[in-house]
Amino acid sequence: MLDTRRAINAILGRLQFTATRSLVRGSLCLAFSLGVAYLPKWPDMSPGANAALFILLFAASLWVTEAIPAFAVALLIIGLEIALLGKPDGIFAQSDHDWEMFIEPWASPLIWLFLGGLVLAHGAQKTGLDRWVATRVATALGTRPGAVLFATMGVTFLFSMFMSNTATAAMMVAVIMPVVGALRGDQFRKALLLGVPFAANIGGMGTIIGTPPNAIAVGMLEGRQPIHFAQWMVVGMPPAMVLALIAGVYLLLRYPSEQRHLDLSAIVGGPPVGSILPLWQRAVVMGVFILTVALWLTDGLHGIPTYVVSFIPICVFAAAMIIGPEDMRALPWDILILITGGLSLGVAISETGLADWIVAHMPLGSTHGLWLAVLVGLFAAALSTFMSHTAAANILIPLAIPLAPDAPAMMAVCAALGSSTAMALPISTPPNAIAYAGGHLQASDFLGGGLLLGILGPILIALWCTVVL
């Protein structure tokens, strides 16, 4: 799972930032953060909140400028919190153990839930189960252009609910590339290629493990208005499905095909995938996948917490040797660190009183909760267009929750899901970059559909949240 512009730039074949440029950017971020946090005399702000403001600004500026990798910023957040806020009888901490609140998110059950999802997805990838399902479902609706497009987007959407959006996009682009290659001179190939990243970005909205911002929102709502796995699907799936439908219709109208039927023989008759591993391991992966998802969705019936269910794929895949030491090392641990850093930042913002201070000094007046939710979602989409949506969620969610004390879940969900609607540029998301890297798309091709989804998405999400939350 790629989550930084640095990684996307590598996909697009651009130069990495030099160490000197990173040092300059980091120094400027530090100077900016110190100046804004400490030079003005902020009224009624406690010393602890002042330090939390500095950490927030420093982290946000580092994430925006990408002076250092995103996961490194997350670790820096925790280190600064311990150094500035964790000293007993200092500006915030009172006892010798107060600093532990900043590292407790690493042991959060949410991290294990996300890790279980990563292991489950890795098992499907390693055994080739994902490609096997994708190649068959993508051709199940026939050969008409519209059917092929919606089948491709549907498969991408479903896989993105449980797998990395980046891995899903890479897999589906590889699956449809033979069809794209056969569509020389036909603009419908742009519809196919754009449909994959659009569906991958939107599909991640459907589950807690679909994309990191969802997990961050759920983690920050613990103790306020908890959201369980099935409840999140009730919240995220309907607007995601509507947005996917809108995206598909837009692509069909914008890039109509010149052919009534497409040649799918390259997909249907391609070489088998996943044949390297024994058949019984693929069967185990399929069985565990179905069992895990079923238990996640029915936790209200059997009483087993979703976090505990996550240990099923972790334990079974390890015992069955489907996941080995190299596979564990290959998991995207940087994403888990990034989520942990975001949760820790939320702890500092909340516990020091910074969030309440910001809300008290914002000119909100009598703004209705619905409009606040729409504005939060639109701002999340705008910010995520130019920076990592996980980093944007880390910044926005702890600030959005106090805006509506009576509806914290609506604010958090709108910020998280709104960040997933940002896809107007090739660099907005890794799936966009993967589709763009093939050379068949121009940057302007993302703009129309991306703006449509980025504007309609937060509005639809906020309206739906008022109904179900």
Protein backbone atom coordinates (compact mmCIF):
# COMPACT_ATOMS: atom_id res chain seq x y z
CA MET A 1 0.00 0.00 0.00
CA LEU A 2 1.63 3.20 -1.17
CA ASP A 3 0.57 6.24 0.78
CA THR A 4 2.93 9.13 0.02
CA ARG A 5 3.56 11.38 -2.94
CA ARG A 6 7.17 10.16 -2.84
CA ALA A 7 5.98 6.62 -3.63
CA ILE A 8 3.63 7.90 -6.32
CA ASN A 9 6.40 9.92 -7.89
CA ALA A 10 8.45 6.73 -8.07
CA ILE A 11 5.59 5.04 -9.93
CA LEU A 12 5.42 7.90 -12.39
CA GLY A 13 9.16 7.78 -12.98
CA ARG A 14 9.98 11.12 -11.42
CA LEU A 15 13.06 12.00 -9.37
CA GLN A 16 13.06 11.45 -5.64
CA PHE A 17 13.63 14.42 -3.36
CA THR A 18 17.26 14.92 -2.43
CA ALA A 19 18.43 14.86 1.17
CA THR A 20 19.32 18.56 0.97
CA ARG A 21 15.85 19.51 -0.21
CA SER A 22 14.31 17.39 2.55
CA LEU A 23 16.49 19.11 5.15
CA VAL A 24 15.51 22.55 3.89
CA ARG A 25 11.84 21.67 3.85
CA GLY A 26 12.02 20.14 7.32
CA SER A 27 13.74 23.24 8.69
CA LEU A 28 11.13 25.52 7.17
CA CYS A 29 8.35 23.36 8.61
CA LEU A 30 9.96 23.55 12.05
CA ALA A 31 10.37 27.33 11.87
CA PHE A 32 6.77 27.77 10.68
CA SER A 33 5.36 25.54 13.40
CA LEU A 34 7.36 27.16 16.20
CA GLY A 35 6.43 30.63 14.98
CA VAL A 36 2.70 29.98 14.73
CA ALA A 37 2.48 27.98 17.96
CA TYR A 38 4.63 30.09 20.28
CA LEU A 39 5.12 33.62 18.95
CA PRO A 40 1.49 34.81 19.28
CA LYS A 41 0.05 34.87 22.76
CA TRP A 42 -2.97 32.65 22.18
CA PRO A 43 -5.68 33.61 24.70
CA ASP A 44 -6.80 31.00 27.23
CA MET A 45 -4.52 28.29 25.79
CA SER A 46 -2.83 26.04 28.33
CA PRO A 47 0.89 25.19 27.98
CA GLY A 48 -0.02 21.60 27.15
CA ALA A 49 -2.41 22.68 24.41
CA ASN A 50 0.27 25.05 23.11
CA ALA A 51 2.72 22.17 22.76
CA ALA A 52 0.05 20.03 21.11
CA LEU A 53 -0.59 22.84 18.62
CA PHE A 54 3.10 22.89 17.75
CA ILE A 55 3.13 19.10 17.23
CA LEU A 56 -0.01 19.30 15.07
CA LEU A 57 1.37 22.09 12.88
CA PHE A 58 4.78 20.44 12.56
CA ALA A 59 3.25 17.09 11.59
CA ALA A 60 0.81 18.67 9.15
CA SER A 61 3.49 20.72 7.42
CA LEU A 62 5.81 17.71 7.17
CA TRP A 63 3.03 15.62 5.68
CA VAL A 64 2.06 18.32 3.19
CA THR A 65 5.63 19.01 2.04
CA GLU A 66 6.78 15.38 2.38
CA ALA A 67 10.07 16.49 3.79
CA ILE A 68 10.34 13.02 5.35
CA PRO A 69 8.29 9.86 4.73
CA ALA A 70 4.77 9.81 6.16
CA PHE A 71 5.44 6.96 8.59
CA ALA A 72 8.49 8.83 9.93
CA VAL A 73 6.26 11.79 10.74
CA ALA A 74 4.00 9.44 12.72
CA LEU A 75 6.95 8.22 14.79
CA LEU A 76 8.13 11.79 15.28
CA ILE A 77 4.69 12.73 16.60
CA ILE A 78 4.89 10.10 19.32
CA GLY A 79 8.45 11.08 20.22
CA LEU A 80 7.58 14.77 20.50
CA GLU A 81 4.50 14.03 22.58
CA ILE A 82 6.57 12.01 25.06
CA ALA A 83 9.32 14.65 25.16
CA LEU A 84 7.10 17.73 25.43
CA LEU A 85 4.01 16.43 27.20
CA GLY A 86 5.12 13.29 29.02
CA LYS A 87 7.42 14.73 31.72
CA PRO A 88 5.86 14.24 35.17
CA ASP A 89 4.77 17.51 36.80
CA GLY A 90 5.57 19.28 33.55
CA ILE A 91 3.25 21.23 31.27
CA PHE A 92 0.80 18.33 30.95
CA ALA A 93 1.68 14.96 32.54
CA GLN A 94 1.14 14.58 36.27
CA SER A 95 2.27 11.03 37.03
CA ASP A 96 5.15 8.83 35.90
CA HIS A 97 2.85 6.84 33.64
CA ASP A 98 0.93 9.57 31.83
CA TRP A 99 3.29 9.41 28.86
CA GLU A 100 2.02 5.91 28.14
CA MET A 101 -1.22 7.30 26.70
CA PHE A 102 0.73 8.36 23.61
CA ILE A 103 1.97 4.85 22.81
CA GLU A 104 -1.20 3.00 23.79
CA PRO A 105 -2.66 3.34 20.24
CA TRP A 106 0.01 0.89 19.02
CA ALA A 107 -1.67 -1.78 21.16
CA SER A 108 -5.16 -0.70 20.08
CA PRO A 109 -7.44 -3.55 18.95
CA LEU A 110 -8.00 -1.48 15.82
CA ILE A 111 -4.39 -2.07 14.77
CA TRP A 112 -4.95 -5.82 15.02
CA LEU A 113 -8.14 -5.51 12.98
CA PHE A 114 -6.25 -3.72 10.24
CA LEU A 115 -3.37 -6.20 10.46
CA GLY A 116 -5.83 -9.06 10.06
CA GLY A 117 -7.14 -7.42 6.92
CA LEU A 118 -3.62 -7.01 5.54
CA VAL A 119 -2.79 -10.67 6.21
CA LEU A 120 -6.06 -11.78 4.63
CA ALA A 121 -5.36 -9.73 1.51
CA HIS A 122 -1.77 -10.95 1.31
CA GLY A 123 -2.92 -14.55 1.45
CA ALA A 124 -5.35 -13.94 -1.42
CA GLN A 125 -2.59 -12.31 -3.45
CA LYS A 126 0.03 -14.96 -2.74
CA THR A 127 -2.22 -17.87 -3.71
CA GLY A 128 -3.53 -16.05 -6.78
CA LEU A 129 -7.09 -16.28 -5.48
CA ASP A 130 -7.68 -12.59 -6.16
CA ARG A 131 -6.64 -12.84 -9.82
CA TRP A 132 -8.59 -16.08 -10.27
CA VAL A 133 -11.79 -14.45 -9.03
CA ALA A 134 -11.17 -11.21 -10.90
CA THR A 135 -10.61 -12.81 -14.31
CA ARG A 136 -13.80 -14.82 -14.03
CA VAL A 137 -16.11 -12.21 -12.61
CA ALA A 138 -14.85 -9.52 -15.01
CA THR A 139 -16.10 -11.60 -17.95
CA ALA A 140 -19.30 -12.89 -16.37
CA LEU A 141 -21.62 -10.10 -17.59
CA GLY A 142 -20.88 -10.47 -21.29
CA THR A 143 -18.82 -8.61 -23.85
CA ARG A 144 -20.77 -5.39 -24.31
CA PRO A 145 -18.64 -2.35 -23.39
CA GLY A 146 -20.98 -1.21 -20.61
CA ALA A 147 -21.13 -4.69 -19.11
CA VAL A 148 -17.34 -5.05 -19.20
CA LEU A 149 -16.85 -1.64 -17.59
CA PHE A 150 -19.31 -2.25 -14.76
CA ALA A 151 -18.00 -5.77 -14.19
CA THR A 152 -14.44 -4.44 -13.97
CA MET A 153 -15.46 -1.64 -11.63
CA GLY A 154 -17.58 -4.02 -9.56
CA VAL A 155 -14.72 -6.47 -9.02
CA THR A 156 -12.36 -3.62 -8.18
CA PHE A 157 -14.91 -2.13 -5.78
CA LEU A 158 -15.43 -5.42 -3.93
CA PHE A 159 -11.73 -6.27 -3.63
CA SER A 160 -10.94 -2.75 -2.40
CA MET A 161 -13.25 -3.26 0.54
CA PHE A 162 -10.89 -5.90 1.96
CA MET A 163 -7.57 -5.35 0.17
CA SER A 164 -5.16 -2.51 -0.34
CA ASN A 165 -6.57 -0.10 -2.92
CA THR A 166 -3.13 0.06 -4.49
CA ALA A 167 -2.77 -3.71 -4.80
CA THR A 168 -6.30 -4.01 -6.16
CA ALA A 169 -5.69 -1.33 -8.77
CA ALA A 170 -2.40 -2.91 -9.84
CA MET A 171 -4.06 -6.32 -10.17
CA MET A 172 -7.07 -5.07 -12.14
CA VAL A 173 -4.98 -2.91 -14.49
CA ALA A 174 -2.95 -6.04 -15.26
CA VAL A 175 -6.16 -8.03 -15.84
CA ILE A 176 -7.72 -5.55 -18.29
CA MET A 177 -4.51 -4.48 -20.05
CA PRO A 178 -4.90 -7.07 -22.87
CA VAL A 179 -8.35 -5.64 -23.61
CA VAL A 180 -7.02 -2.08 -23.46
CA GLY A 181 -4.24 -3.02 -25.87
CA ALA A 182 -6.78 -4.36 -28.35
CA LEU A 183 -8.78 -1.12 -28.27
CA ARG A 184 -6.35 0.88 -30.38
CA GLY A 185 -7.93 4.17 -31.39
CA ASP A 186 -11.06 3.49 -29.32
CA GLN A 187 -11.54 6.05 -26.53
CA PHE A 188 -13.38 3.44 -24.47
CA ARG A 189 -10.02 2.19 -23.27
CA LYS A 190 -9.80 5.38 -21.21
CA ALA A 191 -13.11 4.48 -19.57
CA LEU A 192 -11.73 1.06 -18.58
CA LEU A 193 -8.48 2.47 -17.22
CA LEU A 194 -10.20 5.28 -15.30
CA GLY A 195 -12.86 2.94 -13.99
CA VAL A 196 -10.26 0.91 -12.07
CA PRO A 197 -8.81 3.71 -9.88
CA PHE A 198 -12.21 5.36 -9.42
CA ALA A 199 -13.72 2.07 -8.20
CA ALA A 200 -10.65 1.27 -6.07
CA ASN A 201 -10.77 4.64 -4.33
CA ILE A 202 -14.53 4.48 -3.76
CA GLY A 203 -14.62 0.81 -2.78
CA GLY A 204 -12.29 1.43 0.14
CA MET A 205 -15.06 3.48 1.75
CA GLY A 206 -17.14 0.35 2.34
CA THR A 207 -15.35 -1.25 5.32
CA ILE A 208 -13.23 -0.26 8.28
CA ILE A 209 -10.20 -2.03 6.76
CA GLY A 210 -10.85 -0.71 3.26
CA THR A 211 -8.59 2.31 3.68
CA PRO A 212 -6.59 3.79 6.60
CA PRO A 213 -8.77 6.92 7.11
CA ASN A 214 -11.69 4.65 8.00
CA ALA A 215 -9.63 2.94 10.69
CA ILE A 216 -8.43 6.29 12.03
CA ALA A 217 -12.02 7.52 12.35
CA VAL A 218 -13.12 4.37 14.18
CA GLY A 219 -10.11 4.54 16.50
CA MET A 220 -10.77 8.16 17.43
CA LEU A 221 -14.45 7.44 18.09
CA GLU A 222 -13.69 4.81 20.73
CA GLY A 223 -15.21 5.98 24.00
CA ARG A 224 -17.40 8.54 22.23
CA GLN A 225 -19.65 6.87 19.65
CA PRO A 226 -18.10 3.51 18.67
CA ILE A 227 -18.76 2.10 15.20
CA HIS A 228 -18.55 -1.63 14.59
CA PHE A 229 -17.64 -3.42 11.36
CA ALA A 230 -21.17 -4.08 10.10
CA GLN A 231 -22.34 -0.61 11.17
CA TRP A 232 -19.56 0.99 9.16
CA MET A 233 -20.72 -0.92 6.08
CA VAL A 234 -24.22 0.46 6.62
CA VAL A 235 -22.71 3.95 6.73
CA GLY A 236 -20.11 3.63 3.97
CA MET A 237 -21.54 1.19 1.42
CA PRO A 238 -24.65 3.07 0.16
CA PRO A 239 -22.90 6.35 -0.74
CA ALA A 240 -19.96 4.38 -2.14
CA MET A 241 -22.26 2.33 -4.39
CA VAL A 242 -24.06 5.46 -5.60
CA LEU A 243 -20.74 7.18 -6.36
CA ALA A 244 -19.47 4.10 -8.20
CA LEU A 245 -22.64 4.06 -10.31
CA ILE A 246 -22.26 7.76 -11.06
CA ALA A 247 -18.62 7.20 -12.03
CA GLY A 248 -19.53 4.33 -14.34
CA VAL A 249 -22.29 6.27 -16.09
CA TYR A 250 -20.02 9.29 -16.47
CA LEU A 251 -17.26 7.17 -18.05
CA LEU A 252 -19.70 5.50 -20.46
CA LEU A 253 -21.04 8.86 -21.60
CA ARG A 254 -17.64 10.55 -21.70
CA TYR A 255 -15.79 7.75 -23.50
CA PRO A 256 -18.32 5.75 -25.56
CA SER A 257 -17.00 2.70 -27.40
CA GLU A 258 -17.01 2.31 -31.16
CA GLN A 259 -17.60 -1.44 -30.79
CA ARG A 260 -20.73 -3.31 -29.76
CA HIS A 261 -18.74 -6.25 -28.37
CA LEU A 262 -15.23 -6.44 -26.95
CA ASP A 263 -12.71 -9.22 -27.47
CA LEU A 264 -12.13 -10.78 -24.05
CA SER A 265 -10.32 -13.89 -25.27
CA ALA A 266 -7.02 -12.65 -23.84
CA ILE A 267 -8.56 -12.61 -20.35
CA VAL A 268 -10.59 -15.79 -20.59
CA GLY A 269 -7.84 -17.83 -22.18
CA GLY A 270 -4.94 -16.43 -20.18
CA PRO A 271 -2.55 -18.58 -18.17
CA PRO A 272 -3.79 -19.86 -14.78
CA VAL A 273 -2.84 -17.79 -11.79
CA GLY A 274 -1.92 -18.95 -8.35
CA SER A 275 -0.80 -22.37 -9.59
CA ILE A 276 2.58 -22.10 -7.85
CA LEU A 277 1.09 -22.95 -4.45
CA PRO A 278 -0.77 -26.19 -3.65
CA LEU A 279 -4.50 -26.30 -4.27
CA TRP A 280 -5.23 -27.00 -0.60
CA GLN A 281 -3.62 -23.71 0.42
CA ARG A 282 -5.82 -21.81 -2.01
CA ALA A 283 -8.83 -23.64 -0.55
CA VAL A 284 -7.74 -22.66 2.97
CA VAL A 285 -7.43 -19.01 1.93
CA MET A 286 -10.89 -19.03 0.37
CA GLY A 287 -12.44 -20.72 3.40
CA VAL A 288 -10.76 -18.40 5.88
CA PHE A 289 -11.65 -15.36 3.79
CA ILE A 290 -15.34 -16.30 3.77
CA LEU A 291 -15.36 -17.23 7.47
CA THR A 292 -13.57 -14.06 8.58
CA VAL A 293 -15.78 -11.69 6.60
CA ALA A 294 -18.91 -13.54 7.74
CA LEU A 295 -17.88 -13.25 11.40
CA TRP A 296 -17.02 -9.57 10.93
CA LEU A 297 -20.49 -8.90 9.56
CA THR A 298 -22.38 -10.88 12.22
CA ASP A 299 -20.61 -9.88 15.42
CA GLY A 300 -23.97 -8.90 16.90
CA LEU A 301 -25.16 -12.51 16.60
CA HIS A 302 -22.20 -14.50 17.92
CA GLY A 303 -20.71 -11.89 20.27
CA ILE A 304 -17.10 -12.35 19.11
CA PRO A 305 -15.51 -8.89 18.73
CA THR A 306 -14.36 -8.03 15.23
CA TYR A 307 -10.88 -7.41 16.59
CA VAL A 308 -10.69 -11.00 17.90
CA VAL A 309 -11.93 -12.38 14.58
CA SER A 310 -8.92 -10.74 12.94
CA PHE A 311 -6.67 -13.30 14.59
CA ILE A 312 -8.24 -16.11 12.52
CA PRO A 313 -6.39 -15.31 9.25
CA ILE A 314 -3.24 -14.34 11.16
CA CYS A 315 -3.06 -17.64 13.05
CA VAL A 316 -4.39 -19.99 10.35
CA PHE A 317 -2.23 -18.61 7.54
CA ALA A 318 0.86 -18.77 9.72
CA ALA A 319 0.13 -22.34 10.88
CA ALA A 320 -0.65 -23.47 7.32
CA MET A 321 2.60 -21.88 6.08
CA ILE A 322 0.67 -19.69 3.66
CA ILE A 323 2.28 -16.68 5.33
CA GLY A 324 5.96 -17.07 6.14
CA PRO A 325 8.60 -14.81 7.69
CA GLU A 326 9.31 -13.06 4.38
CA ASP A 327 5.60 -12.44 3.85
CA MET A 328 5.28 -10.90 7.31
CA ARG A 329 8.23 -8.63 6.62
CA ALA A 330 6.64 -7.63 3.31
CA LEU A 331 3.43 -6.38 4.91
CA PRO A 332 3.00 -2.58 4.81
CA TRP A 333 3.94 -1.91 8.42
CA ASP A 334 4.41 1.75 7.56
CA ILE A 335 0.65 2.05 7.18
CA LEU A 336 0.08 0.62 10.66
CA ILE A 337 2.66 3.08 12.04
CA LEU A 338 0.92 5.91 10.21
CA ILE A 339 -2.43 4.94 11.71
CA THR A 340 -0.86 4.67 15.17
CA GLY A 341 0.72 8.12 14.83
CA GLY A 342 -2.62 9.59 13.82
CA LEU A 343 -4.40 8.04 16.79
CA SER A 344 -1.65 9.27 19.11
CA LEU A 345 -1.95 12.78 17.65
CA GLY A 346 -5.68 12.60 18.35
CA VAL A 347 -4.96 11.70 21.97
CA ALA A 348 -2.72 14.75 22.41
CA ILE A 349 -5.17 17.12 20.72
CA SER A 350 -8.06 15.85 22.81
CA GLU A 351 -6.43 15.34 26.22
CA THR A 352 -4.56 18.66 26.29
CA GLY A 353 -7.74 20.58 25.49
CA LEU A 354 -6.49 21.85 22.14
CA ALA A 355 -9.53 20.53 20.27
CA ASP A 356 -11.94 22.29 22.61
CA TRP A 357 -9.90 25.49 22.37
CA ILE A 358 -10.00 25.43 18.56
CA VAL A 359 -13.76 24.82 18.51
CA ALA A 360 -14.34 27.61 21.04
CA HIS A 361 -12.46 30.10 18.87
CA MET A 362 -13.93 29.10 15.50
CA PRO A 363 -16.59 31.46 14.06
CA LEU A 364 -19.17 28.69 13.64
CA GLY A 365 -22.13 30.55 15.06
CA SER A 366 -25.33 28.53 14.62
CA THR A 367 -24.08 26.52 11.66
CA HIS A 368 -26.22 23.40 11.20
CA GLY A 369 -24.56 20.03 11.77
CA LEU A 370 -25.34 18.91 8.22
CA TRP A 371 -23.55 21.88 6.70
CA LEU A 372 -20.61 21.37 9.03
CA ALA A 373 -20.40 17.75 7.89
CA VAL A 374 -20.52 18.79 4.22
CA LEU A 375 -17.80 21.39 4.75
CA VAL A 376 -15.61 18.89 6.62
CA GLY A 377 -16.02 16.36 3.81
CA LEU A 378 -15.30 18.87 1.07
CA PHE A 379 -12.24 20.15 2.91
CA ALA A 380 -11.01 16.57 3.39
CA ALA A 381 -11.45 15.90 -0.33
CA ALA A 382 -9.65 19.11 -1.28
CA LEU A 383 -6.75 18.46 1.10
CA SER A 384 -6.43 14.81 0.05
CA THR A 385 -6.19 15.82 -3.60
CA PHE A 386 -2.73 17.20 -2.94
CA MET A 387 -1.47 15.08 -0.03
CA SER A 388 -1.80 11.60 1.45
CA HIS A 389 -5.43 10.97 2.36
CA THR A 390 -4.25 9.10 5.48
CA ALA A 391 -2.24 12.12 6.62
CA ALA A 392 -5.18 14.39 5.84
CA ALA A 393 -7.45 12.20 7.96
CA ASN A 394 -4.90 12.25 10.80
CA ILE A 395 -5.05 16.04 10.79
CA LEU A 396 -8.77 16.62 10.22
CA ILE A 397 -10.58 13.93 12.19
CA PRO A 398 -9.44 14.96 15.72
CA LEU A 399 -10.33 18.55 14.85
CA ALA A 400 -13.67 17.67 13.23
CA ILE A 401 -15.06 15.53 16.06
CA PRO A 402 -15.44 18.41 18.59
CA LEU A 403 -17.26 20.56 16.00
CA ALA A 404 -20.46 18.64 16.73
CA PRO A 405 -20.30 17.21 20.28
CA ASP A 406 -23.75 15.65 19.82
CA ALA A 407 -22.74 13.90 16.58
CA PRO A 408 -19.03 13.04 16.73
CA ALA A 409 -19.43 9.99 14.48
CA MET A 410 -20.94 12.04 11.67
CA MET A 411 -18.00 14.46 11.71
CA ALA A 412 -15.41 11.68 11.82
CA VAL A 413 -17.07 9.60 9.12
CA CYS A 414 -17.53 12.58 6.77
CA ALA A 415 -13.86 13.50 7.16
CA ALA A 416 -12.71 9.92 6.57
CA LEU A 417 -14.98 9.13 3.64
CA GLY A 418 -14.55 12.60 2.17
CA SER A 419 -10.81 12.00 1.93
CA SER A 420 -11.51 8.93 -0.24
CA THR A 421 -13.38 11.02 -2.82
CA ALA A 422 -10.21 12.90 -3.81
CA MET A 423 -9.15 11.59 -7.22
CA ALA A 424 -8.98 14.58 -9.58
CA LEU A 425 -5.24 14.31 -10.30
CA PRO A 426 -2.87 11.46 -11.22
CA ILE A 427 -1.04 12.05 -7.93
CA SER A 428 -4.19 12.23 -5.80
CA THR A 429 -4.12 8.49 -5.01
CA PRO A 430 -1.81 5.55 -5.74
CA PRO A 431 -4.52 3.82 -7.85
CA ASN A 432 -4.68 6.95 -10.02
CA ALA A 433 -0.92 6.89 -10.42
CA ILE A 434 -0.94 3.21 -11.41
CA ALA A 435 -3.56 3.81 -14.11
CA TYR A 436 -1.71 6.90 -15.34
CA ALA A 437 1.66 5.15 -15.46
CA GLY A 438 0.56 2.93 -18.36
CA GLY A 439 0.83 5.84 -20.77
CA HIS A 440 -2.74 5.61 -22.14
CA LEU A 441 -4.13 8.46 -20.02
CA GLN A 442 -3.46 12.17 -19.72
CA ALA A 443 -3.62 14.15 -16.49
CA SER A 444 -6.70 15.98 -17.76
CA ASP A 445 -8.59 12.70 -18.08
CA PHE A 446 -8.83 12.45 -14.29
CA LEU A 447 -10.11 15.98 -13.81
CA GLY A 448 -13.75 15.75 -14.95
CA GLY A 449 -14.72 12.59 -13.13
CA GLY A 450 -12.51 13.43 -10.17
CA LEU A 451 -14.15 16.81 -9.61
CA LEU A 452 -17.61 15.32 -10.06
CA LEU A 453 -16.98 12.66 -7.41
CA GLY A 454 -15.04 15.01 -5.14
CA ILE A 455 -17.96 17.47 -4.98
CA LEU A 456 -20.93 15.10 -5.01
CA GLY A 457 -19.27 12.59 -2.70
CA PRO A 458 -19.05 14.66 0.51
CA ILE A 459 -22.60 15.93 -0.02
CA LEU A 460 -24.04 12.44 -0.45
CA ILE A 461 -22.00 11.13 2.49
CA ALA A 462 -23.19 13.91 4.82
CA LEU A 463 -26.84 13.44 3.79
CA TRP A 464 -26.64 9.68 4.36
CA CYS A 465 -24.90 10.13 7.72
CA THR A 466 -27.79 12.27 8.98
CA VAL A 467 -30.06 9.28 8.31
CA VAL A 468 -28.03 6.43 9.81
CA LEU A 469 -25.92 8.09 12.53
